[in-house]
Amino acid sequence: MSPTLYAHPFSSHCQKVLVALYENDVPFEYRTREDASAMAEARRLLDLAYGWLEQRLEGRTWAVDEARPFRQYFPPGAPDRD
């Protein structure tokens, strides 16, 4: 089973991964955002990953409490999720 790269052709991050895959002769499947089924699959994978992360962090409020004094150093974004 070869890895699948979900990428945007103009993304420098994706281009770096492509260079590494090509240099090491790794067989892979290249999927772009123009492919609707690829985007649906990528969203499903991201939902699974975020769900796993939420489960891992559940009950770890101490990390948020420890980070509160440093909140002022980060740009405003979503203070309601802090």
N, C-alpha and C. Protein backbone atom coordinates (compact mmCIF):
# COMPACT_ATOMS: atom_id res chain seq x y z
N MET A 1 0.85 -1.18 0.00
CA MET A 1 0.00 0.00 0.00
C MET A 1 0.89 1.24 0.00
N SER A 2 0.71 2.07 -0.97
CA SER A 2 1.53 3.28 -1.07
C SER A 2 0.83 4.44 -0.38
N PRO A 3 1.59 5.40 0.13
CA PRO A 3 0.98 6.56 0.78
C PRO A 3 0.27 7.46 -0.22
N THR A 4 -0.68 8.22 0.28
CA THR A 4 -1.42 9.17 -0.55
C THR A 4 -1.07 10.57 -0.09
N LEU A 5 -0.72 11.43 -1.02
CA LEU A 5 -0.42 12.82 -0.71
C LEU A 5 -1.57 13.68 -1.20
N TYR A 6 -2.28 14.30 -0.25
CA TYR A 6 -3.33 15.25 -0.58
C TYR A 6 -2.67 16.62 -0.63
N ALA A 7 -2.59 17.22 -1.80
CA ALA A 7 -1.77 18.41 -1.95
C ALA A 7 -2.41 19.44 -2.85
N HIS A 8 -1.96 20.67 -2.65
CA HIS A 8 -2.29 21.74 -3.59
C HIS A 8 -1.04 21.98 -4.42
N PRO A 9 -1.18 22.10 -5.73
CA PRO A 9 0.01 22.21 -6.58
C PRO A 9 0.89 23.43 -6.29
N PHE A 10 0.34 24.48 -5.71
CA PHE A 10 1.13 25.68 -5.46
C PHE A 10 1.66 25.77 -4.02
N SER A 11 1.34 24.81 -3.20
CA SER A 11 1.76 24.84 -1.80
C SER A 11 3.24 24.49 -1.68
N SER A 12 4.01 25.36 -1.05
CA SER A 12 5.44 25.08 -0.88
C SER A 12 5.65 23.90 0.06
N HIS A 13 4.75 23.71 1.02
CA HIS A 13 4.87 22.57 1.94
C HIS A 13 4.69 21.26 1.16
N CYS A 14 3.72 21.23 0.28
CA CYS A 14 3.47 20.03 -0.53
C CYS A 14 4.62 19.78 -1.50
N GLN A 15 5.19 20.85 -2.04
CA GLN A 15 6.30 20.70 -2.97
C GLN A 15 7.51 20.09 -2.28
N LYS A 16 7.73 20.46 -1.03
CA LYS A 16 8.85 19.88 -0.27
C LYS A 16 8.65 18.38 -0.08
N VAL A 17 7.42 17.99 0.21
CA VAL A 17 7.13 16.57 0.38
C VAL A 17 7.30 15.84 -0.95
N LEU A 18 6.85 16.46 -2.03
CA LEU A 18 7.01 15.84 -3.36
C LEU A 18 8.48 15.61 -3.69
N VAL A 19 9.32 16.60 -3.40
CA VAL A 19 10.75 16.46 -3.67
C VAL A 19 11.31 15.27 -2.90
N ALA A 20 10.95 15.16 -1.64
CA ALA A 20 11.46 14.05 -0.82
C ALA A 20 10.97 12.70 -1.35
N LEU A 21 9.70 12.64 -1.74
CA LEU A 21 9.17 11.38 -2.27
C LEU A 21 9.85 10.99 -3.58
N TYR A 22 10.03 11.96 -4.47
CA TYR A 22 10.67 11.67 -5.75
C TYR A 22 12.15 11.31 -5.57
N GLU A 23 12.86 12.00 -4.70
CA GLU A 23 14.29 11.73 -4.50
C GLU A 23 14.52 10.34 -3.93
N ASN A 24 13.59 9.88 -3.10
CA ASN A 24 13.74 8.56 -2.48
C ASN A 24 13.00 7.46 -3.22
N ASP A 25 12.49 7.77 -4.39
CA ASP A 25 11.76 6.79 -5.22
C ASP A 25 10.66 6.08 -4.46
N VAL A 26 9.90 6.84 -3.69
CA VAL A 26 8.79 6.28 -2.93
C VAL A 26 7.54 6.29 -3.82
N PRO A 27 6.92 5.14 -4.03
CA PRO A 27 5.68 5.15 -4.81
C PRO A 27 4.55 5.77 -3.97
N PHE A 28 3.80 6.67 -4.57
CA PHE A 28 2.73 7.34 -3.83
C PHE A 28 1.63 7.75 -4.79
N GLU A 29 0.47 8.03 -4.22
CA GLU A 29 -0.66 8.52 -5.00
C GLU A 29 -0.80 10.01 -4.74
N TYR A 30 -0.89 10.77 -5.80
CA TYR A 30 -0.97 12.24 -5.69
C TYR A 30 -2.42 12.65 -5.94
N ARG A 31 -3.03 13.28 -4.94
CA ARG A 31 -4.42 13.72 -5.05
C ARG A 31 -4.47 15.22 -4.83
N THR A 32 -5.17 15.93 -5.71
CA THR A 32 -5.26 17.38 -5.60
C THR A 32 -6.67 17.79 -5.19
N ARG A 33 -6.82 19.05 -4.87
CA ARG A 33 -8.11 19.55 -4.40
C ARG A 33 -9.15 19.62 -5.51
N GLU A 34 -8.73 19.52 -6.76
CA GLU A 34 -9.69 19.54 -7.86
C GLU A 34 -10.52 18.26 -7.90
N ASP A 35 -10.01 17.20 -7.29
CA ASP A 35 -10.70 15.92 -7.25
C ASP A 35 -11.64 15.93 -6.04
N ALA A 36 -12.95 15.99 -6.30
CA ALA A 36 -13.94 16.11 -5.22
C ALA A 36 -13.90 14.91 -4.28
N SER A 37 -13.72 13.71 -4.81
CA SER A 37 -13.68 12.54 -3.94
C SER A 37 -12.44 12.57 -3.04
N ALA A 38 -11.32 13.11 -3.56
CA ALA A 38 -10.10 13.22 -2.74
C ALA A 38 -10.32 14.19 -1.59
N MET A 39 -11.00 15.30 -1.86
CA MET A 39 -11.25 16.28 -0.81
C MET A 39 -12.19 15.71 0.26
N ALA A 40 -13.19 14.94 -0.15
CA ALA A 40 -14.10 14.33 0.82
C ALA A 40 -13.34 13.33 1.69
N GLU A 41 -12.44 12.57 1.08
CA GLU A 41 -11.65 11.61 1.84
C GLU A 41 -10.69 12.32 2.79
N ALA A 42 -10.08 13.41 2.33
CA ALA A 42 -9.17 14.17 3.18
C ALA A 42 -9.91 14.76 4.38
N ARG A 43 -11.12 15.28 4.15
CA ARG A 43 -11.91 15.83 5.26
C ARG A 43 -12.26 14.74 6.27
N ARG A 44 -12.60 13.55 5.78
CA ARG A 44 -12.92 12.44 6.68
C ARG A 44 -11.70 12.07 7.52
N LEU A 45 -10.53 12.03 6.90
CA LEU A 45 -9.31 11.72 7.64
C LEU A 45 -9.00 12.78 8.68
N LEU A 46 -9.21 14.05 8.33
CA LEU A 46 -8.96 15.12 9.29
C LEU A 46 -9.93 15.05 10.47
N ASP A 47 -11.19 14.72 10.18
CA ASP A 47 -12.16 14.56 11.26
C ASP A 47 -11.75 13.45 12.22
N LEU A 48 -11.24 12.36 11.66
CA LEU A 48 -10.76 11.27 12.52
C LEU A 48 -9.57 11.71 13.36
N ALA A 49 -8.65 12.44 12.73
CA ALA A 49 -7.46 12.88 13.46
C ALA A 49 -7.83 13.85 14.58
N TYR A 50 -8.73 14.79 14.30
CA TYR A 50 -9.13 15.74 15.33
C TYR A 50 -9.90 15.05 16.44
N GLY A 51 -10.72 14.08 16.08
CA GLY A 51 -11.45 13.32 17.09
C GLY A 51 -10.50 12.58 18.02
N TRP A 52 -9.46 11.98 17.43
CA TRP A 52 -8.47 11.27 18.23
C TRP A 52 -7.74 12.23 19.16
N LEU A 53 -7.39 13.41 18.64
CA LEU A 53 -6.68 14.40 19.44
C LEU A 53 -7.54 14.90 20.60
N GLU A 54 -8.81 15.14 20.33
CA GLU A 54 -9.71 15.59 21.39
C GLU A 54 -9.82 14.54 22.48
N GLN A 55 -9.88 13.27 22.10
CA GLN A 55 -9.96 12.20 23.09
C GLN A 55 -8.69 12.16 23.93
N ARG A 56 -7.54 12.35 23.29
CA ARG A 56 -6.26 12.31 24.01
C ARG A 56 -6.12 13.47 24.99
N LEU A 57 -6.68 14.64 24.62
CA LEU A 57 -6.53 15.82 25.46
C LEU A 57 -7.66 15.97 26.47
N GLU A 58 -8.67 15.13 26.36
CA GLU A 58 -9.80 15.23 27.28
C GLU A 58 -9.33 15.00 28.72
N GLY A 59 -9.71 15.89 29.58
CA GLY A 59 -9.31 15.77 30.98
C GLY A 59 -7.95 16.36 31.28
N ARG A 60 -7.34 16.98 30.33
CA ARG A 60 -6.01 17.57 30.56
C ARG A 60 -6.12 19.09 30.63
N THR A 61 -6.97 19.57 31.48
CA THR A 61 -7.17 21.01 31.59
C THR A 61 -5.96 21.69 32.22
N TRP A 62 -5.11 20.94 32.88
CA TRP A 62 -3.92 21.54 33.49
C TRP A 62 -3.04 22.20 32.44
N ALA A 63 -3.01 21.67 31.22
CA ALA A 63 -2.18 22.26 30.17
C ALA A 63 -2.70 23.65 29.79
N VAL A 64 -4.02 23.78 29.72
CA VAL A 64 -4.62 25.08 29.40
C VAL A 64 -4.37 26.05 30.55
N ASP A 65 -4.54 25.59 31.77
CA ASP A 65 -4.32 26.46 32.93
C ASP A 65 -2.88 26.95 33.00
N GLU A 66 -1.93 26.07 32.67
CA GLU A 66 -0.52 26.48 32.70
C GLU A 66 -0.20 27.48 31.59
N ALA A 67 -0.92 27.41 30.48
CA ALA A 67 -0.63 28.28 29.34
C ALA A 67 -1.28 29.65 29.47
N ARG A 68 -2.25 29.82 30.33
CA ARG A 68 -2.98 31.09 30.44
C ARG A 68 -2.08 32.31 30.67
N PRO A 69 -1.07 32.27 31.51
CA PRO A 69 -0.24 33.46 31.71
C PRO A 69 0.49 33.91 30.43
N PHE A 70 0.66 33.00 29.48
CA PHE A 70 1.38 33.33 28.26
C PHE A 70 0.46 33.73 27.12
N ARG A 71 -0.84 33.76 27.36
CA ARG A 71 -1.83 34.06 26.33
C ARG A 71 -1.58 35.43 25.69
N GLN A 72 -1.10 36.37 26.45
CA GLN A 72 -0.89 37.73 25.95
C GLN A 72 0.17 37.79 24.85
N TYR A 73 1.04 36.80 24.77
CA TYR A 73 2.10 36.81 23.77
C TYR A 73 1.66 36.26 22.41
N PHE A 74 0.46 35.72 22.34
CA PHE A 74 -0.02 35.12 21.10
C PHE A 74 -1.08 36.01 20.47
N PRO A 75 -1.17 35.98 19.16
CA PRO A 75 -2.16 36.84 18.49
C PRO A 75 -3.57 36.44 18.86
N PRO A 76 -4.48 37.39 18.87
CA PRO A 76 -5.86 37.05 19.19
C PRO A 76 -6.45 36.14 18.13
N GLY A 77 -7.23 35.20 18.57
CA GLY A 77 -7.83 34.28 17.61
C GLY A 77 -9.15 33.79 18.12
N ALA A 78 -9.10 32.93 19.08
CA ALA A 78 -10.33 32.35 19.60
C ALA A 78 -10.25 32.27 21.12
N PRO A 79 -10.40 33.40 21.79
CA PRO A 79 -10.28 33.38 23.24
C PRO A 79 -11.37 32.54 23.91
N ASP A 80 -12.49 32.32 23.20
CA ASP A 80 -13.54 31.51 23.79
C ASP A 80 -13.16 30.03 23.86
N ARG A 81 -12.15 29.61 23.05
CA ARG A 81 -11.71 28.21 23.07
C ARG A 81 -10.51 28.02 23.99
N ASP A 82 -10.08 29.01 24.70
CA ASP A 82 -8.85 28.98 25.46
C ASP A 82 -8.95 28.34 26.82
